[in-house]
Amino acid sequence: MPTIPHTRTNKKLEVPVKRLIQGHALDRVANLDAVDSLEALTYFARFAKDSEG
């Protein structure tokens, strides 16, 4: 994992990461404009997709 995603106010995005791993769509789990590192969230989205059956 490259980094833990945060909001622009430096709060960890734990729940959105959990929802990504559960299979929810990236644009549904977080406001992408409020994320400090979109690459970190896309990493978790790819990880979840690659981990599927």
N, C-alpha and C. Protein backbone atom coordinates (compact mmCIF):
# COMPACT_ATOMS: atom_id res chain seq x y z
N MET A 1 0.84 -1.15 0.00
CA MET A 1 0.00 0.00 0.00
C MET A 1 0.90 1.23 0.00
N PRO A 2 0.70 2.11 -0.95
CA PRO A 2 1.56 3.29 -1.06
C PRO A 2 1.35 4.30 0.07
N THR A 3 0.10 4.55 0.45
CA THR A 3 -0.22 5.52 1.50
C THR A 3 -1.67 5.34 1.92
N ILE A 4 -2.01 5.89 3.05
CA ILE A 4 -3.40 5.88 3.50
C ILE A 4 -4.03 7.18 3.02
N PRO A 5 -5.18 7.09 2.33
CA PRO A 5 -5.81 8.31 1.83
C PRO A 5 -6.41 9.13 2.96
N HIS A 6 -6.37 10.43 2.79
CA HIS A 6 -6.92 11.38 3.75
C HIS A 6 -7.79 12.40 3.02
N THR A 7 -8.62 13.09 3.81
CA THR A 7 -9.32 14.24 3.26
C THR A 7 -8.34 15.40 3.22
N ARG A 8 -8.75 16.47 2.62
CA ARG A 8 -7.87 17.64 2.56
C ARG A 8 -7.67 18.26 3.95
N THR A 9 -8.52 17.89 4.93
CA THR A 9 -8.35 18.37 6.31
C THR A 9 -7.62 17.34 7.15
N ASN A 10 -7.00 16.35 6.49
CA ASN A 10 -6.12 15.36 7.10
C ASN A 10 -6.82 14.31 7.96
N LYS A 11 -8.06 13.99 7.65
CA LYS A 11 -8.75 12.90 8.33
C LYS A 11 -8.61 11.63 7.49
N LYS A 12 -8.30 10.52 8.14
CA LYS A 12 -8.15 9.25 7.42
C LYS A 12 -9.47 8.81 6.82
N LEU A 13 -9.40 8.25 5.63
CA LEU A 13 -10.59 7.75 4.94
C LEU A 13 -10.72 6.24 5.15
N GLU A 14 -10.94 5.85 6.40
CA GLU A 14 -11.03 4.43 6.75
C GLU A 14 -12.30 3.78 6.21
N VAL A 15 -13.44 4.44 6.40
CA VAL A 15 -14.71 3.86 5.96
C VAL A 15 -14.76 3.75 4.43
N PRO A 16 -14.37 4.79 3.69
CA PRO A 16 -14.35 4.62 2.23
C PRO A 16 -13.44 3.49 1.76
N VAL A 17 -12.29 3.31 2.41
CA VAL A 17 -11.39 2.21 2.03
C VAL A 17 -12.08 0.87 2.31
N LYS A 18 -12.73 0.76 3.45
CA LYS A 18 -13.46 -0.46 3.79
C LYS A 18 -14.53 -0.75 2.74
N ARG A 19 -15.26 0.28 2.34
CA ARG A 19 -16.32 0.09 1.35
C ARG A 19 -15.75 -0.29 -0.01
N LEU A 20 -14.60 0.27 -0.37
CA LEU A 20 -13.95 -0.13 -1.62
C LEU A 20 -13.60 -1.61 -1.60
N ILE A 21 -13.04 -2.06 -0.49
CA ILE A 21 -12.65 -3.46 -0.37
C ILE A 21 -13.89 -4.37 -0.40
N GLN A 22 -15.02 -3.85 0.05
CA GLN A 22 -16.26 -4.61 0.00
C GLN A 22 -16.85 -4.65 -1.41
N GLY A 23 -16.29 -3.86 -2.33
CA GLY A 23 -16.73 -3.92 -3.71
C GLY A 23 -17.54 -2.74 -4.21
N HIS A 24 -17.67 -1.71 -3.41
CA HIS A 24 -18.43 -0.53 -3.83
C HIS A 24 -17.61 0.29 -4.84
N ALA A 25 -18.30 1.06 -5.65
CA ALA A 25 -17.65 1.88 -6.68
C ALA A 25 -16.93 3.07 -6.06
N LEU A 26 -15.79 3.42 -6.63
CA LEU A 26 -14.96 4.50 -6.12
C LEU A 26 -15.72 5.82 -6.03
N ASP A 27 -16.48 6.16 -7.05
CA ASP A 27 -17.19 7.44 -7.04
C ASP A 27 -18.36 7.46 -6.06
N ARG A 28 -18.72 6.29 -5.50
CA ARG A 28 -19.81 6.22 -4.52
C ARG A 28 -19.33 6.26 -3.08
N VAL A 29 -18.05 5.99 -2.83
CA VAL A 29 -17.58 5.88 -1.45
C VAL A 29 -17.00 7.16 -0.88
N ALA A 30 -16.60 8.10 -1.73
CA ALA A 30 -15.98 9.33 -1.24
C ALA A 30 -16.18 10.46 -2.24
N ASN A 31 -16.18 11.66 -1.71
CA ASN A 31 -16.19 12.84 -2.56
C ASN A 31 -14.77 13.01 -3.08
N LEU A 32 -14.56 12.72 -4.33
CA LEU A 32 -13.22 12.70 -4.90
C LEU A 32 -12.54 14.08 -4.88
N ASP A 33 -13.33 15.14 -4.81
CA ASP A 33 -12.76 16.49 -4.73
C ASP A 33 -12.20 16.78 -3.34
N ALA A 34 -12.60 16.00 -2.33
CA ALA A 34 -12.16 16.24 -0.96
C ALA A 34 -11.00 15.35 -0.54
N VAL A 35 -10.48 14.54 -1.47
CA VAL A 35 -9.41 13.59 -1.16
C VAL A 35 -8.06 14.21 -1.49
N ASP A 36 -7.08 14.02 -0.58
CA ASP A 36 -5.77 14.59 -0.84
C ASP A 36 -4.96 13.77 -1.83
N SER A 37 -5.25 12.47 -1.93
CA SER A 37 -4.50 11.60 -2.84
C SER A 37 -5.45 10.62 -3.52
N LEU A 38 -5.90 10.99 -4.68
CA LEU A 38 -6.79 10.11 -5.43
C LEU A 38 -6.08 8.81 -5.80
N GLU A 39 -4.78 8.86 -6.00
CA GLU A 39 -4.02 7.66 -6.34
C GLU A 39 -4.12 6.61 -5.23
N ALA A 40 -4.15 7.05 -3.98
CA ALA A 40 -4.25 6.11 -2.86
C ALA A 40 -5.61 5.40 -2.88
N LEU A 41 -6.67 6.13 -3.17
CA LEU A 41 -7.99 5.49 -3.25
C LEU A 41 -8.08 4.56 -4.44
N THR A 42 -7.53 4.95 -5.58
CA THR A 42 -7.59 4.08 -6.75
C THR A 42 -6.78 2.81 -6.51
N TYR A 43 -5.72 2.89 -5.72
CA TYR A 43 -4.96 1.70 -5.35
C TYR A 43 -5.88 0.69 -4.67
N PHE A 44 -6.66 1.15 -3.70
CA PHE A 44 -7.55 0.25 -2.97
C PHE A 44 -8.67 -0.27 -3.87
N ALA A 45 -9.14 0.55 -4.79
CA ALA A 45 -10.17 0.09 -5.73
C ALA A 45 -9.61 -1.01 -6.63
N ARG A 46 -8.39 -0.85 -7.12
CA ARG A 46 -7.75 -1.90 -7.94
C ARG A 46 -7.49 -3.15 -7.11
N PHE A 47 -7.04 -2.97 -5.88
CA PHE A 47 -6.79 -4.11 -4.98
C PHE A 47 -8.06 -4.91 -4.79
N ALA A 48 -9.18 -4.25 -4.56
CA ALA A 48 -10.45 -4.94 -4.36
C ALA A 48 -10.87 -5.69 -5.63
N LYS A 49 -10.69 -5.05 -6.77
CA LYS A 49 -11.06 -5.69 -8.04
C LYS A 49 -10.19 -6.91 -8.32
N ASP A 50 -8.89 -6.79 -8.05
CA ASP A 50 -7.97 -7.90 -8.28
C ASP A 50 -8.19 -9.04 -7.30
N SER A 51 -8.73 -8.72 -6.13
CA SER A 51 -8.96 -9.74 -5.09
C SER A 51 -10.26 -10.51 -5.29
N GLU A 52 -11.12 -10.04 -6.17
CA GLU A 52 -12.38 -10.74 -6.43
C GLU A 52 -12.09 -12.12 -7.03
N GLY A 53 -12.92 -13.08 -6.60
CA GLY A 53 -12.87 -14.45 -7.06
C GLY A 53 -11.97 -14.73 -8.14
